[in-house]
Amino acid sequence: MPAVVGGALGGGAAVLVTALLRRLSDAQPLDPWTVAGVVLVLGAVSAAATVVPARRAARVDPMLTLRAE
């Protein structure tokens, strides 16, 4: 969920910054394919970063964890 929120906020910020740059210079219009590609790559990296801790947590016996506390 944080990755989705971050992607949405980042996309909105990219639109605002591009509009600002167009006013200040001759910046090209916002390319939707580039923005979508960046959001997809960052989403994939975010998903991959959650796999390692999730697999590690899945290997721990819940009863051992409860007894330790």
PDB file of N, CA and C in Angstrom:
ATOM      1  N   MET A   1       0.819  -1.198   0.000  1.00  0.00           N
ATOM      2  CA  MET A   1       0.000   0.000   0.000  1.00  0.00           C
ATOM      3  C   MET A   1       0.870   1.273   0.000  1.00  0.00           C
ATOM      4  N   PRO A   2       1.956   1.321   0.802  1.00  0.00           N
ATOM      5  CA  PRO A   2       2.797   2.517   0.746  1.00  0.00           C
ATOM      6  C   PRO A   2       3.386   2.763  -0.648  1.00  0.00           C
ATOM      7  N   ALA A   3       3.689   1.691  -1.376  1.00  0.00           N
ATOM      8  CA  ALA A   3       4.239   1.869  -2.721  1.00  0.00           C
ATOM      9  C   ALA A   3       3.192   2.472  -3.660  1.00  0.00           C
ATOM     10  N   VAL A   4       1.935   2.069  -3.496  1.00  0.00           N
ATOM     11  CA  VAL A   4       0.856   2.615  -4.326  1.00  0.00           C
ATOM     12  C   VAL A   4       0.666   4.095  -4.016  1.00  0.00           C
ATOM     13  N   VAL A   5       0.635   4.430  -2.744  1.00  0.00           N
ATOM     14  CA  VAL A   5       0.471   5.833  -2.346  1.00  0.00           C
ATOM     15  C   VAL A   5       1.670   6.654  -2.837  1.00  0.00           C
ATOM     16  N   GLY A   6       2.860   6.119  -2.680  1.00  0.00           N
ATOM     17  CA  GLY A   6       4.059   6.815  -3.139  1.00  0.00           C
ATOM     18  C   GLY A   6       4.071   7.005  -4.645  1.00  0.00           C
ATOM     19  N   GLY A   7       3.621   5.997  -5.377  1.00  0.00           N
ATOM     20  CA  GLY A   7       3.541   6.123  -6.831  1.00  0.00           C
ATOM     21  C   GLY A   7       2.545   7.183  -7.263  1.00  0.00           C
ATOM     22  N   ALA A   8       1.407   7.220  -6.582  1.00  0.00           N
ATOM     23  CA  ALA A   8       0.395   8.231  -6.910  1.00  0.00           C
ATOM     24  C   ALA A   8       0.890   9.635  -6.571  1.00  0.00           C
ATOM     25  N   LEU A   9       1.486   9.791  -5.405  1.00  0.00           N
ATOM     26  CA  LEU A   9       2.016  11.102  -5.023  1.00  0.00           C
ATOM     27  C   LEU A   9       3.176  11.515  -5.926  1.00  0.00           C
ATOM     28  N   GLY A  10       4.023  10.575  -6.269  1.00  0.00           N
ATOM     29  CA  GLY A  10       5.143  10.867  -7.155  1.00  0.00           C
ATOM     30  C   GLY A  10       4.689  11.246  -8.557  1.00  0.00           C
ATOM     31  N   GLY A  11       3.667  10.565  -9.046  1.00  0.00           N
ATOM     32  CA  GLY A  11       3.128  10.910 -10.355  1.00  0.00           C
ATOM     33  C   GLY A  11       2.534  12.306 -10.366  1.00  0.00           C
ATOM     34  N   GLY A  12       1.790  12.629  -9.300  1.00  0.00           N
ATOM     35  CA  GLY A  12       1.228  13.976  -9.182  1.00  0.00           C
ATOM     36  C   GLY A  12       2.304  15.038  -9.074  1.00  0.00           C
ATOM     37  N   ALA A  13       3.340  14.739  -8.309  1.00  0.00           N
ATOM     38  CA  ALA A  13       4.446  15.692  -8.176  1.00  0.00           C
ATOM     39  C   ALA A  13       5.171  15.866  -9.504  1.00  0.00           C
ATOM     40  N   ALA A  14       5.302  14.791 -10.276  1.00  0.00           N
ATOM     41  CA  ALA A  14       5.962  14.884 -11.580  1.00  0.00           C
ATOM     42  C   ALA A  14       5.167  15.791 -12.521  1.00  0.00           C
ATOM     43  N   VAL A  15       3.849  15.675 -12.473  1.00  0.00           N
ATOM     44  CA  VAL A  15       3.010  16.529 -13.316  1.00  0.00           C
ATOM     45  C   VAL A  15       3.176  17.995 -12.916  1.00  0.00           C
ATOM     46  N   LEU A  16       3.176  18.259 -11.622  1.00  0.00           N
ATOM     47  CA  LEU A  16       3.320  19.639 -11.149  1.00  0.00           C
ATOM     48  C   LEU A  16       4.700  20.215 -11.485  1.00  0.00           C
ATOM     49  N   VAL A  17       5.730  19.438 -11.285  1.00  0.00           N
ATOM     50  CA  VAL A  17       7.082  19.922 -11.564  1.00  0.00           C
ATOM     51  C   VAL A  17       7.263  20.146 -13.058  1.00  0.00           C
ATOM     52  N   THR A  18       6.696  19.253 -13.881  1.00  0.00           N
ATOM     53  CA  THR A  18       6.795  19.434 -15.327  1.00  0.00           C
ATOM     54  C   THR A  18       6.076  20.698 -15.769  1.00  0.00           C
ATOM     55  N   ALA A  19       4.904  20.955 -15.185  1.00  0.00           N
ATOM     56  CA  ALA A  19       4.187  22.187 -15.524  1.00  0.00           C
ATOM     57  C   ALA A  19       5.010  23.412 -15.136  1.00  0.00           C
ATOM     58  N   LEU A  20       5.655  23.348 -14.001  1.00  0.00           N
ATOM     59  CA  LEU A  20       6.500  24.455 -13.559  1.00  0.00           C
ATOM     60  C   LEU A  20       7.699  24.638 -14.493  1.00  0.00           C
ATOM     61  N   LEU A  21       8.320  23.546 -14.885  1.00  0.00           N
ATOM     62  CA  LEU A  21       9.472  23.627 -15.786  1.00  0.00           C
ATOM     63  C   LEU A  21       9.078  24.151 -17.162  1.00  0.00           C
ATOM     64  N   ARG A  22       7.876  23.799 -17.631  1.00  0.00           N
ATOM     65  CA  ARG A  22       7.429  24.310 -18.925  1.00  0.00           C
ATOM     66  C   ARG A  22       7.281  25.824 -18.906  1.00  0.00           C
ATOM     67  N   ARG A  23       6.874  26.351 -17.771  1.00  0.00           N
ATOM     68  CA  ARG A  23       6.743  27.802 -17.646  1.00  0.00           C
ATOM     69  C   ARG A  23       8.114  28.478 -17.590  1.00  0.00           C
ATOM     70  N   LEU A  24       9.075  27.822 -16.967  1.00  0.00           N
ATOM     71  CA  LEU A  24      10.389  28.425 -16.788  1.00  0.00           C
ATOM     72  C   LEU A  24      11.324  28.200 -17.972  1.00  0.00           C
ATOM     73  N   SER A  25      11.136  27.119 -18.711  1.00  0.00           N
ATOM     74  CA  SER A  25      12.038  26.809 -19.813  1.00  0.00           C
ATOM     75  C   SER A  25      11.260  26.100 -20.915  1.00  0.00           C
ATOM     76  N   ASP A  26      11.979  25.575 -21.883  1.00  0.00           N
ATOM     77  CA  ASP A  26      11.362  24.855 -22.997  1.00  0.00           C
ATOM     78  C   ASP A  26      11.353  23.350 -22.738  1.00  0.00           C
ATOM     79  N   ALA A  27      10.883  22.938 -21.590  1.00  0.00           N
ATOM     80  CA  ALA A  27      10.839  21.516 -21.251  1.00  0.00           C
ATOM     81  C   ALA A  27       9.785  20.803 -22.098  1.00  0.00           C
ATOM     82  N   GLN A  28      10.050  19.552 -22.441  1.00  0.00           N
ATOM     83  CA  GLN A  28       9.112  18.763 -23.225  1.00  0.00           C
ATOM     84  C   GLN A  28       7.884  18.411 -22.383  1.00  0.00           C
ATOM     85  N   PRO A  29       6.739  18.195 -23.033  1.00  0.00           N
ATOM     86  CA  PRO A  29       5.547  17.792 -22.282  1.00  0.00           C
ATOM     87  C   PRO A  29       5.778  16.460 -21.562  1.00  0.00           C
ATOM     88  N   LEU A  30       4.971  16.213 -20.580  1.00  0.00           N
ATOM     89  CA  LEU A  30       5.089  15.001 -19.768  1.00  0.00           C
ATOM     90  C   LEU A  30       4.818  13.765 -20.627  1.00  0.00           C
ATOM     91  N   ASP A  31       5.727  12.832 -20.636  1.00  0.00           N
ATOM     92  CA  ASP A  31       5.578  11.599 -21.406  1.00  0.00           C
ATOM     93  C   ASP A  31       4.947  10.540 -20.518  1.00  0.00           C
ATOM     94  N   PRO A  32       3.683  10.145 -20.796  1.00  0.00           N
ATOM     95  CA  PRO A  32       3.009   9.186 -19.918  1.00  0.00           C
ATOM     96  C   PRO A  32       3.670   7.809 -19.895  1.00  0.00           C
ATOM     97  N   TRP A  33       4.295   7.391 -20.996  1.00  0.00           N
ATOM     98  CA  TRP A  33       4.955   6.090 -21.017  1.00  0.00           C
ATOM     99  C   TRP A  33       6.159   6.056 -20.084  1.00  0.00           C
ATOM    100  N   THR A  34       6.879   7.140 -20.030  1.00  0.00           N
ATOM    101  CA  THR A  34       8.040   7.207 -19.145  1.00  0.00           C
ATOM    102  C   THR A  34       7.609   7.189 -17.690  1.00  0.00           C
ATOM    103  N   VAL A  35       6.601   7.986 -17.355  1.00  0.00           N
ATOM    104  CA  VAL A  35       6.113   8.026 -15.972  1.00  0.00           C
ATOM    105  C   VAL A  35       5.563   6.661 -15.571  1.00  0.00           C
ATOM    106  N   ALA A  36       4.783   6.032 -16.454  1.00  0.00           N
ATOM    107  CA  ALA A  36       4.231   4.705 -16.147  1.00  0.00           C
ATOM    108  C   ALA A  36       5.352   3.685 -15.979  1.00  0.00           C
ATOM    109  N   GLY A  37       6.382   3.771 -16.813  1.00  0.00           N
ATOM    110  CA  GLY A  37       7.509   2.838 -16.698  1.00  0.00           C
ATOM    111  C   GLY A  37       8.245   2.996 -15.390  1.00  0.00           C
ATOM    112  N   VAL A  38       8.464   4.237 -14.991  1.00  0.00           N
ATOM    113  CA  VAL A  38       9.164   4.487 -13.724  1.00  0.00           C
ATOM    114  C   VAL A  38       8.335   3.975 -12.553  1.00  0.00           C
ATOM    115  N   VAL A  39       7.025   4.231 -12.578  1.00  0.00           N
ATOM    116  CA  VAL A  39       6.156   3.756 -11.491  1.00  0.00           C
ATOM    117  C   VAL A  39       6.161   2.231 -11.439  1.00  0.00           C
ATOM    118  N   LEU A  40       6.123   1.573 -12.598  1.00  0.00           N
ATOM    119  CA  LEU A  40       6.142   0.107 -12.616  1.00  0.00           C
ATOM    120  C   LEU A  40       7.471  -0.449 -12.111  1.00  0.00           C
ATOM    121  N   VAL A  41       8.578   0.155 -12.495  1.00  0.00           N
ATOM    122  CA  VAL A  41       9.889  -0.325 -12.034  1.00  0.00           C
ATOM    123  C   VAL A  41      10.011  -0.141 -10.524  1.00  0.00           C
ATOM    124  N   LEU A  42       9.607   1.025 -10.027  1.00  0.00           N
ATOM    125  CA  LEU A  42       9.684   1.244  -8.577  1.00  0.00           C
ATOM    126  C   LEU A  42       8.737   0.314  -7.816  1.00  0.00           C
ATOM    127  N   GLY A  43       7.579   0.024  -8.393  1.00  0.00           N
ATOM    128  CA  GLY A  43       6.663  -0.933  -7.767  1.00  0.00           C
ATOM    129  C   GLY A  43       7.256  -2.329  -7.715  1.00  0.00           C
ATOM    130  N   ALA A  44       7.928  -2.736  -8.798  1.00  0.00           N
ATOM    131  CA  ALA A  44       8.568  -4.057  -8.821  1.00  0.00           C
ATOM    132  C   ALA A  44       9.699  -4.135  -7.803  1.00  0.00           C
ATOM    133  N   VAL A  45      10.477  -3.075  -7.682  1.00  0.00           N
ATOM    134  CA  VAL A  45      11.554  -3.045  -6.690  1.00  0.00           C
ATOM    135  C   VAL A  45      10.982  -3.102  -5.282  1.00  0.00           C
ATOM    136  N   SER A  46       9.890  -2.398  -5.058  1.00  0.00           N
ATOM    137  CA  SER A  46       9.242  -2.416  -3.748  1.00  0.00           C
ATOM    138  C   SER A  46       8.719  -3.808  -3.409  1.00  0.00           C
ATOM    139  N   ALA A  47       8.104  -4.460  -4.381  1.00  0.00           N
ATOM    140  CA  ALA A  47       7.603  -5.817  -4.155  1.00  0.00           C
ATOM    141  C   ALA A  47       8.746  -6.784  -3.897  1.00  0.00           C
ATOM    142  N   ALA A  48       9.826  -6.651  -4.645  1.00  0.00           N
ATOM    143  CA  ALA A  48      10.979  -7.534  -4.441  1.00  0.00           C
ATOM    144  C   ALA A  48      11.614  -7.307  -3.077  1.00  0.00           C
ATOM    145  N   ALA A  49      11.594  -6.080  -2.595  1.00  0.00           N
ATOM    146  CA  ALA A  49      12.195  -5.779  -1.294  1.00  0.00           C
ATOM    147  C   ALA A  49      11.385  -6.371  -0.142  1.00  0.00           C
ATOM    148  N   THR A  50      10.121  -6.670  -0.366  1.00  0.00           N
ATOM    149  CA  THR A  50       9.300  -7.251   0.701  1.00  0.00           C
ATOM    150  C   THR A  50       9.377  -8.768   0.734  1.00  0.00           C
ATOM    151  N   VAL A  51       9.880  -9.388  -0.331  1.00  0.00           N
ATOM    152  CA  VAL A  51       9.901 -10.845  -0.402  1.00  0.00           C
ATOM    153  C   VAL A  51      10.871 -11.438   0.620  1.00  0.00           C
ATOM    154  N   VAL A  52      12.057 -10.887   0.734  1.00  0.00           N
ATOM    155  CA  VAL A  52      13.074 -11.457   1.638  1.00  0.00           C
ATOM    156  C   VAL A  52      12.609 -11.431   3.094  1.00  0.00           C
ATOM    157  N   PRO A  53      12.151 -10.303   3.641  1.00  0.00           N
ATOM    158  CA  PRO A  53      11.681 -10.332   5.028  1.00  0.00           C
ATOM    159  C   PRO A  53      10.437 -11.213   5.227  1.00  0.00           C
ATOM    160  N   ALA A  54       9.571 -11.273   4.231  1.00  0.00           N
ATOM    161  CA  ALA A  54       8.377 -12.107   4.350  1.00  0.00           C
ATOM    162  C   ALA A  54       8.739 -13.590   4.388  1.00  0.00           C
ATOM    163  N   ARG A  55       9.681 -13.992   3.554  1.00  0.00           N
ATOM    164  CA  ARG A  55      10.106 -15.401   3.572  1.00  0.00           C
ATOM    165  C   ARG A  55      10.802 -15.739   4.881  1.00  0.00           C
ATOM    166  N   ARG A  56      11.604 -14.809   5.401  1.00  0.00           N
ATOM    167  CA  ARG A  56      12.294 -15.042   6.674  1.00  0.00           C
ATOM    168  C   ARG A  56      11.274 -15.167   7.809  1.00  0.00           C
ATOM    169  N   ALA A  57      10.273 -14.322   7.809  1.00  0.00           N
ATOM    170  CA  ALA A  57       9.248 -14.377   8.847  1.00  0.00           C
ATOM    171  C   ALA A  57       8.390 -15.634   8.728  1.00  0.00           C
ATOM    172  N   ALA A  58       8.189 -16.123   7.521  1.00  0.00           N
ATOM    173  CA  ALA A  58       7.385 -17.323   7.329  1.00  0.00           C
ATOM    174  C   ALA A  58       8.094 -18.577   7.834  1.00  0.00           C
ATOM    175  N   ARG A  59       9.411 -18.551   7.895  1.00  0.00           N
ATOM    176  CA  ARG A  59      10.164 -19.717   8.369  1.00  0.00           C
ATOM    177  C   ARG A  59      10.198 -19.841   9.888  1.00  0.00           C
ATOM    178  N   VAL A  60       9.868 -18.786  10.610  1.00  0.00           N
ATOM    179  CA  VAL A  60       9.937 -18.808  12.069  1.00  0.00           C
ATOM    180  C   VAL A  60       8.687 -19.482  12.627  1.00  0.00           C
ATOM    181  N   ASP A  61       8.898 -20.369  13.578  1.00  0.00           N
ATOM    182  CA  ASP A  61       7.772 -21.030  14.237  1.00  0.00           C
ATOM    183  C   ASP A  61       7.080 -20.037  15.174  1.00  0.00           C
ATOM    184  N   PRO A  62       5.766 -19.816  15.013  1.00  0.00           N
ATOM    185  CA  PRO A  62       5.066 -18.831  15.848  1.00  0.00           C
ATOM    186  C   PRO A  62       5.125 -19.151  17.348  1.00  0.00           C
ATOM    187  N   MET A  63       5.105 -20.433  17.689  1.00  0.00           N
ATOM    188  CA  MET A  63       5.130 -20.808  19.119  1.00  0.00           C
ATOM    189  C   MET A  63       6.476 -20.447  19.759  1.00  0.00           C
ATOM    190  N   LEU A  64       7.571 -20.604  19.022  1.00  0.00           N
ATOM    191  CA  LEU A  64       8.877 -20.233  19.549  1.00  0.00           C
ATOM    192  C   LEU A  64       8.941 -18.738  19.792  1.00  0.00           C
ATOM    193  N   THR A  65       8.364 -17.968  18.906  1.00  0.00           N
ATOM    194  CA  THR A  65       8.361 -16.516  19.056  1.00  0.00           C
ATOM    195  C   THR A  65       7.522 -16.104  20.255  1.00  0.00           C
ATOM    196  N   LEU A  66       6.374 -16.717  20.417  1.00  0.00           N
ATOM    197  CA  LEU A  66       5.497 -16.383  21.558  1.00  0.00           C
ATOM    198  C   LEU A  66       6.147 -16.796  22.881  1.00  0.00           C
ATOM    199  N   ARG A  67       6.830 -17.908  22.916  1.00  0.00           N
ATOM    200  CA  ARG A  67       7.473 -18.347  24.159  1.00  0.00           C
ATOM    201  C   ARG A  67       8.650 -17.446  24.521  1.00  0.00           C
ATOM    202  N   ALA A  68       9.308 -16.883  23.521  1.00  0.00           N
ATOM    203  CA  ALA A  68      10.459 -16.020  23.771  1.00  0.00           C
ATOM    204  C   ALA A  68      10.045 -14.712  24.437  1.00  0.00           C
ATOM    205  N   GLU A  69       8.814 -14.307  24.235  1.00  0.00           N
ATOM    206  CA  GLU A  69       8.371 -13.043  24.829  1.00  0.00           C
ATOM    207  C   GLU A  69       7.744 -13.343  26.113  1.00  0.00           C
TER     208      GLU A  69
END
